[in-house]
Amino acid sequence: MPKIKTHKSTSKRFRLTGSGKLMRTRLGKSHLRRKKSSRVKAELPEMHEVTSKGLVERVKRLAPYLDQK
């Protein structure tokens, strides 16, 4: 059985923690930063947990080797 190709943009946007939680960054990290407030800009690089079960399954299907990084 051949290996499954990883969806590259998915593997760059999501990370798995040691306990198995799927984490994501906020959208718009570097786009139009001058218009955003300092509070919003400070929150952008933070990682947030993905709680939607459907999204977790989709990411695992698109990036099957995400846990092996």
PDB file of N, CA and C in Angstrom:
ATOM      1  N   MET A   1       0.838  -1.183   0.000  1.00  0.00           N
ATOM      2  CA  MET A   1       0.000   0.000   0.000  1.00  0.00           C
ATOM      3  C   MET A   1       0.883   1.248   0.000  1.00  0.00           C
ATOM      4  N   PRO A   2       0.699   2.166  -0.947  1.00  0.00           N
ATOM      5  CA  PRO A   2       1.538   3.369  -0.982  1.00  0.00           C
ATOM      6  C   PRO A   2       1.176   4.343   0.130  1.00  0.00           C
ATOM      7  N   LYS A   3       2.116   5.231   0.392  1.00  0.00           N
ATOM      8  CA  LYS A   3       1.863   6.256   1.407  1.00  0.00           C
ATOM      9  C   LYS A   3       0.808   7.239   0.906  1.00  0.00           C
ATOM     10  N   ILE A   4       0.121   7.881   1.850  1.00  0.00           N
ATOM     11  CA  ILE A   4      -0.888   8.887   1.517  1.00  0.00           C
ATOM     12  C   ILE A   4      -0.204  10.242   1.475  1.00  0.00           C
ATOM     13  N   LYS A   5      -0.506  11.042   0.464  1.00  0.00           N
ATOM     14  CA  LYS A   5       0.098  12.375   0.382  1.00  0.00           C
ATOM     15  C   LYS A   5      -0.542  13.301   1.413  1.00  0.00           C
ATOM     16  N   THR A   6       0.300  14.122   2.044  1.00  0.00           N
ATOM     17  CA  THR A   6      -0.157  15.090   3.032  1.00  0.00           C
ATOM     18  C   THR A   6      -0.555  16.379   2.343  1.00  0.00           C
ATOM     19  N   HIS A   7      -1.678  16.951   2.754  1.00  0.00           N
ATOM     20  CA  HIS A   7      -2.103  18.262   2.264  1.00  0.00           C
ATOM     21  C   HIS A   7      -1.231  19.299   2.959  1.00  0.00           C
ATOM     22  N   LYS A   8      -0.337  19.949   2.209  1.00  0.00           N
ATOM     23  CA  LYS A   8       0.723  20.757   2.795  1.00  0.00           C
ATOM     24  C   LYS A   8       0.203  21.963   3.570  1.00  0.00           C
ATOM     25  N   SER A   9      -0.813  22.650   3.057  1.00  0.00           N
ATOM     26  CA  SER A   9      -1.291  23.829   3.774  1.00  0.00           C
ATOM     27  C   SER A   9      -1.962  23.434   5.089  1.00  0.00           C
ATOM     28  N   THR A  10      -2.564  22.249   5.135  1.00  0.00           N
ATOM     29  CA  THR A  10      -3.160  21.775   6.382  1.00  0.00           C
ATOM     30  C   THR A  10      -2.079  21.472   7.405  1.00  0.00           C
ATOM     31  N   SER A  11      -0.980  20.863   6.974  1.00  0.00           N
ATOM     32  CA  SER A  11       0.085  20.522   7.911  1.00  0.00           C
ATOM     33  C   SER A  11       0.786  21.763   8.445  1.00  0.00           C
ATOM     34  N   LYS A  12       0.742  22.872   7.711  1.00  0.00           N
ATOM     35  CA  LYS A  12       1.353  24.115   8.184  1.00  0.00           C
ATOM     36  C   LYS A  12       0.444  24.881   9.135  1.00  0.00           C
ATOM     37  N   ARG A  13      -0.861  24.697   9.032  1.00  0.00           N
ATOM     38  CA  ARG A  13      -1.811  25.464   9.830  1.00  0.00           C
ATOM     39  C   ARG A  13      -2.155  24.805  11.162  1.00  0.00           C
ATOM     40  N   PHE A  14      -1.977  23.503  11.273  1.00  0.00           N
ATOM     41  CA  PHE A  14      -2.404  22.781  12.469  1.00  0.00           C
ATOM     42  C   PHE A  14      -1.223  22.066  13.110  1.00  0.00           C
ATOM     43  N   ARG A  15      -1.297  21.893  14.445  1.00  0.00           N
ATOM     44  CA  ARG A  15      -0.297  21.160  15.210  1.00  0.00           C
ATOM     45  C   ARG A  15      -1.027  20.239  16.185  1.00  0.00           C
ATOM     46  N   LEU A  16      -0.395  19.128  16.515  1.00  0.00           N
ATOM     47  CA  LEU A  16      -0.928  18.234  17.533  1.00  0.00           C
ATOM     48  C   LEU A  16      -0.075  18.374  18.785  1.00  0.00           C
ATOM     49  N   THR A  17      -0.720  18.477  19.941  1.00  0.00           N
ATOM     50  CA  THR A  17       0.010  18.552  21.193  1.00  0.00           C
ATOM     51  C   THR A  17       0.406  17.147  21.623  1.00  0.00           C
ATOM     52  N   GLY A  18       1.189  17.069  22.674  1.00  0.00           N
ATOM     53  CA  GLY A  18       1.610  15.775  23.181  1.00  0.00           C
ATOM     54  C   GLY A  18       0.453  14.938  23.678  1.00  0.00           C
ATOM     55  N   SER A  19      -0.586  15.609  24.189  1.00  0.00           N
ATOM     56  CA  SER A  19      -1.754  14.871  24.687  1.00  0.00           C
ATOM     57  C   SER A  19      -2.750  14.540  23.587  1.00  0.00           C
ATOM     58  N   GLY A  20      -2.478  14.996  22.338  1.00  0.00           N
ATOM     59  CA  GLY A  20      -3.339  14.639  21.220  1.00  0.00           C
ATOM     60  C   GLY A  20      -4.353  15.683  20.823  1.00  0.00           C
ATOM     61  N   LYS A  21      -4.315  16.877  21.439  1.00  0.00           N
ATOM     62  CA  LYS A  21      -5.250  17.935  21.059  1.00  0.00           C
ATOM     63  C   LYS A  21      -4.794  18.561  19.745  1.00  0.00           C
ATOM     64  N   LEU A  22      -5.759  18.925  18.917  1.00  0.00           N
ATOM     65  CA  LEU A  22      -5.467  19.596  17.660  1.00  0.00           C
ATOM     66  C   LEU A  22      -5.516  21.101  17.889  1.00  0.00           C
ATOM     67  N   MET A  23      -4.426  21.800  17.548  1.00  0.00           N
ATOM     68  CA  MET A  23      -4.327  23.233  17.786  1.00  0.00           C
ATOM     69  C   MET A  23      -4.207  23.958  16.444  1.00  0.00           C
ATOM     70  N   ARG A  24      -4.716  25.200  16.408  1.00  0.00           N
ATOM     71  CA  ARG A  24      -4.656  26.003  15.191  1.00  0.00           C
ATOM     72  C   ARG A  24      -4.279  27.431  15.560  1.00  0.00           C
ATOM     73  N   THR A  25      -3.770  28.177  14.567  1.00  0.00           N
ATOM     74  CA  THR A  25      -3.514  29.592  14.768  1.00  0.00           C
ATOM     75  C   THR A  25      -4.678  30.383  14.194  1.00  0.00           C
ATOM     76  N   ARG A  26      -4.738  31.661  14.520  1.00  0.00           N
ATOM     77  CA  ARG A  26      -5.796  32.521  14.007  1.00  0.00           C
ATOM     78  C   ARG A  26      -5.517  32.879  12.551  1.00  0.00           C
ATOM     79  N   LEU A  27      -6.560  33.226  11.813  1.00  0.00           N
ATOM     80  CA  LEU A  27      -6.397  33.640  10.428  1.00  0.00           C
ATOM     81  C   LEU A  27      -5.859  35.060  10.352  1.00  0.00           C
ATOM     82  N   GLY A  28      -5.262  35.408   9.238  1.00  0.00           N
ATOM     83  CA  GLY A  28      -4.835  36.780   9.002  1.00  0.00           C
ATOM     84  C   GLY A  28      -3.661  37.204   9.845  1.00  0.00           C
ATOM     85  N   LYS A  29      -2.676  36.336  10.005  1.00  0.00           N
ATOM     86  CA  LYS A  29      -1.565  36.651  10.888  1.00  0.00           C
ATOM     87  C   LYS A  29      -0.796  37.890  10.442  1.00  0.00           C
ATOM     88  N   SER A  30      -0.525  38.019   9.160  1.00  0.00           N
ATOM     89  CA  SER A  30       0.324  39.128   8.729  1.00  0.00           C
ATOM     90  C   SER A  30      -0.394  40.084   7.775  1.00  0.00           C
ATOM     91  N   HIS A  31      -1.678  39.904   7.573  1.00  0.00           N
ATOM     92  CA  HIS A  31      -2.394  40.695   6.574  1.00  0.00           C
ATOM     93  C   HIS A  31      -3.064  41.908   7.226  1.00  0.00           C
ATOM     94  N   LEU A  32      -2.768  43.092   6.746  1.00  0.00           N
ATOM     95  CA  LEU A  32      -3.393  44.346   7.190  1.00  0.00           C
ATOM     96  C   LEU A  32      -3.269  44.551   8.699  1.00  0.00           C
ATOM     97  N   ARG A  33      -2.067  44.478   9.197  1.00  0.00           N
ATOM     98  CA  ARG A  33      -1.861  44.587  10.644  1.00  0.00           C
ATOM     99  C   ARG A  33      -1.985  46.014  11.149  1.00  0.00           C
ATOM    100  N   ARG A  34      -1.794  47.018  10.298  1.00  0.00           N
ATOM    101  CA  ARG A  34      -1.838  48.413  10.770  1.00  0.00           C
ATOM    102  C   ARG A  34      -3.238  48.809  11.218  1.00  0.00           C
ATOM    103  N   LYS A  35      -4.254  48.189  10.638  1.00  0.00           N
ATOM    104  CA  LYS A  35      -5.632  48.544  10.972  1.00  0.00           C
ATOM    105  C   LYS A  35      -6.130  47.872  12.250  1.00  0.00           C
ATOM    106  N   LYS A  36      -5.446  46.837  12.698  1.00  0.00           N
ATOM    107  CA  LYS A  36      -5.923  46.072  13.837  1.00  0.00           C
ATOM    108  C   LYS A  36      -5.443  46.694  15.151  1.00  0.00           C
ATOM    109  N   SER A  37      -6.242  46.532  16.199  1.00  0.00           N
ATOM    110  CA  SER A  37      -5.860  47.053  17.505  1.00  0.00           C
ATOM    111  C   SER A  37      -4.723  46.206  18.081  1.00  0.00           C
ATOM    112  N   SER A  38      -4.024  46.761  19.060  1.00  0.00           N
ATOM    113  CA  SER A  38      -2.893  46.047  19.652  1.00  0.00           C
ATOM    114  C   SER A  38      -3.364  44.786  20.370  1.00  0.00           C
ATOM    115  N   ARG A  39      -4.568  44.807  20.928  1.00  0.00           N
ATOM    116  CA  ARG A  39      -5.103  43.624  21.602  1.00  0.00           C
ATOM    117  C   ARG A  39      -5.329  42.494  20.605  1.00  0.00           C
ATOM    118  N   VAL A  40      -5.893  42.837  19.459  1.00  0.00           N
ATOM    119  CA  VAL A  40      -6.151  41.831  18.432  1.00  0.00           C
ATOM    120  C   VAL A  40      -4.837  41.296  17.879  1.00  0.00           C
ATOM    121  N   LYS A  41      -3.865  42.174  17.653  1.00  0.00           N
ATOM    122  CA  LYS A  41      -2.570  41.734  17.131  1.00  0.00           C
ATOM    123  C   LYS A  41      -1.846  40.829  18.117  1.00  0.00           C
ATOM    124  N   ALA A  42      -2.044  41.064  19.411  1.00  0.00           N
ATOM    125  CA  ALA A  42      -1.402  40.224  20.419  1.00  0.00           C
ATOM    126  C   ALA A  42      -2.017  38.834  20.469  1.00  0.00           C
ATOM    127  N   GLU A  43      -3.298  38.723  20.123  1.00  0.00           N
ATOM    128  CA  GLU A  43      -3.972  37.429  20.162  1.00  0.00           C
ATOM    129  C   GLU A  43      -3.715  36.570  18.928  1.00  0.00           C
ATOM    130  N   LEU A  44      -3.227  37.164  17.838  1.00  0.00           N
ATOM    131  CA  LEU A  44      -3.096  36.417  16.591  1.00  0.00           C
ATOM    132  C   LEU A  44      -2.121  35.238  16.667  1.00  0.00           C
ATOM    133  N   PRO A  45      -0.936  35.366  17.256  1.00  0.00           N
ATOM    134  CA  PRO A  45      -0.021  34.216  17.225  1.00  0.00           C
ATOM    135  C   PRO A  45      -0.372  33.100  18.214  1.00  0.00           C
ATOM    136  N   GLU A  46      -1.356  33.306  19.075  1.00  0.00           N
ATOM    137  CA  GLU A  46      -1.732  32.280  20.043  1.00  0.00           C
ATOM    138  C   GLU A  46      -2.330  31.057  19.343  1.00  0.00           C
ATOM    139  N   MET A  47      -2.091  29.907  19.944  1.00  0.00           N
ATOM    140  CA  MET A  47      -2.673  28.675  19.435  1.00  0.00           C
ATOM    141  C   MET A  47      -3.999  28.425  20.165  1.00  0.00           C
ATOM    142  N   HIS A  48      -5.011  28.010  19.404  1.00  0.00           N
ATOM    143  CA  HIS A  48      -6.327  27.724  19.963  1.00  0.00           C
ATOM    144  C   HIS A  48      -6.682  26.266  19.673  1.00  0.00           C
ATOM    145  N   GLU A  49      -7.368  25.642  20.606  1.00  0.00           N
ATOM    146  CA  GLU A  49      -7.746  24.248  20.426  1.00  0.00           C
ATOM    147  C   GLU A  49      -8.931  24.130  19.473  1.00  0.00           C
ATOM    148  N   VAL A  50      -8.891  23.136  18.602  1.00  0.00           N
ATOM    149  CA  VAL A  50      -9.999  22.849  17.691  1.00  0.00           C
ATOM    150  C   VAL A  50     -10.935  21.894  18.415  1.00  0.00           C
ATOM    151  N   THR A  51     -12.181  22.338  18.617  1.00  0.00           N
ATOM    152  CA  THR A  51     -13.128  21.513  19.364  1.00  0.00           C
ATOM    153  C   THR A  51     -14.158  20.833  18.472  1.00  0.00           C
ATOM    154  N   SER A  52     -14.305  21.292  17.244  1.00  0.00           N
ATOM    155  CA  SER A  52     -15.289  20.717  16.336  1.00  0.00           C
ATOM    156  C   SER A  52     -14.837  19.326  15.896  1.00  0.00           C
ATOM    157  N   LYS A  53     -15.655  18.330  16.192  1.00  0.00           N
ATOM    158  CA  LYS A  53     -15.291  16.949  15.893  1.00  0.00           C
ATOM    159  C   LYS A  53     -15.149  16.713  14.384  1.00  0.00           C
ATOM    160  N   GLY A  54     -16.009  17.353  13.589  1.00  0.00           N
ATOM    161  CA  GLY A  54     -15.931  17.191  12.142  1.00  0.00           C
ATOM    162  C   GLY A  54     -14.650  17.767  11.568  1.00  0.00           C
ATOM    163  N   LEU A  55     -14.227  18.904  12.099  1.00  0.00           N
ATOM    164  CA  LEU A  55     -12.993  19.523  11.621  1.00  0.00           C
ATOM    165  C   LEU A  55     -11.780  18.698  12.016  1.00  0.00           C
ATOM    166  N   VAL A  56     -11.800  18.123  13.206  1.00  0.00           N
ATOM    167  CA  VAL A  56     -10.690  17.270  13.644  1.00  0.00           C
ATOM    168  C   VAL A  56     -10.556  16.068  12.715  1.00  0.00           C
ATOM    169  N   GLU A  57     -11.663  15.456  12.363  1.00  0.00           N
ATOM    170  CA  GLU A  57     -11.622  14.301  11.459  1.00  0.00           C
ATOM    171  C   GLU A  57     -11.127  14.695  10.072  1.00  0.00           C
ATOM    172  N   ARG A  58     -11.546  15.871   9.584  1.00  0.00           N
ATOM    173  CA  ARG A  58     -11.113  16.338   8.269  1.00  0.00           C
ATOM    174  C   ARG A  58      -9.613  16.585   8.242  1.00  0.00           C
ATOM    175  N   VAL A  59      -9.089  17.209   9.297  1.00  0.00           N
ATOM    176  CA  VAL A  59      -7.654  17.497   9.353  1.00  0.00           C
ATOM    177  C   VAL A  59      -6.858  16.199   9.429  1.00  0.00           C
ATOM    178  N   LYS A  60      -7.353  15.225  10.185  1.00  0.00           N
ATOM    179  CA  LYS A  60      -6.642  13.952  10.277  1.00  0.00           C
ATOM    180  C   LYS A  60      -6.638  13.212   8.948  1.00  0.00           C
ATOM    181  N   ARG A  61      -7.681  13.413   8.159  1.00  0.00           N
ATOM    182  CA  ARG A  61      -7.729  12.782   6.843  1.00  0.00           C
ATOM    183  C   ARG A  61      -6.789  13.483   5.864  1.00  0.00           C
ATOM    184  N   LEU A  62      -6.699  14.817   5.964  1.00  0.00           N
ATOM    185  CA  LEU A  62      -5.844  15.578   5.052  1.00  0.00           C
ATOM    186  C   LEU A  62      -4.363  15.470   5.415  1.00  0.00           C
ATOM    187  N   ALA A  63      -4.070  15.361   6.715  1.00  0.00           N
ATOM    188  CA  ALA A  63      -2.679  15.284   7.156  1.00  0.00           C
ATOM    189  C   ALA A  63      -2.509  14.058   8.052  1.00  0.00           C
ATOM    190  N   PRO A  64      -2.422  12.872   7.462  1.00  0.00           N
ATOM    191  CA  PRO A  64      -2.409  11.655   8.273  1.00  0.00           C
ATOM    192  C   PRO A  64      -1.144  11.474   9.102  1.00  0.00           C
ATOM    193  N   TYR A  65      -0.045  12.133   8.739  1.00  0.00           N
ATOM    194  CA  TYR A  65       1.226  11.966   9.450  1.00  0.00           C
ATOM    195  C   TYR A  65       1.525  13.160  10.344  1.00  0.00           C
ATOM    196  N   LEU A  66       0.516  13.951  10.708  1.00  0.00           N
ATOM    197  CA  LEU A  66       0.696  15.145  11.510  1.00  0.00           C
ATOM    198  C   LEU A  66       1.257  14.807  12.889  1.00  0.00           C
ATOM    199  N   ASP A  67       0.883  13.656  13.432  1.00  0.00           N
ATOM    200  CA  ASP A  67       1.352  13.296  14.764  1.00  0.00           C
ATOM    201  C   ASP A  67       2.786  12.789  14.763  1.00  0.00           C
ATOM    202  N   GLN A  68       3.396  12.588  13.602  1.00  0.00           N
ATOM    203  CA  GLN A  68       4.741  12.056  13.529  1.00  0.00           C
ATOM    204  C   GLN A  68       5.797  13.143  13.331  1.00  0.00           C
ATOM    205  N   LYS A  69       5.405  14.425  13.462  1.00  0.00           N
ATOM    206  CA  LYS A  69       6.371  15.517  13.284  1.00  0.00           C
ATOM    207  C   LYS A  69       7.347  15.583  14.421  1.00  0.00           C
TER     208      LYS A  69
END
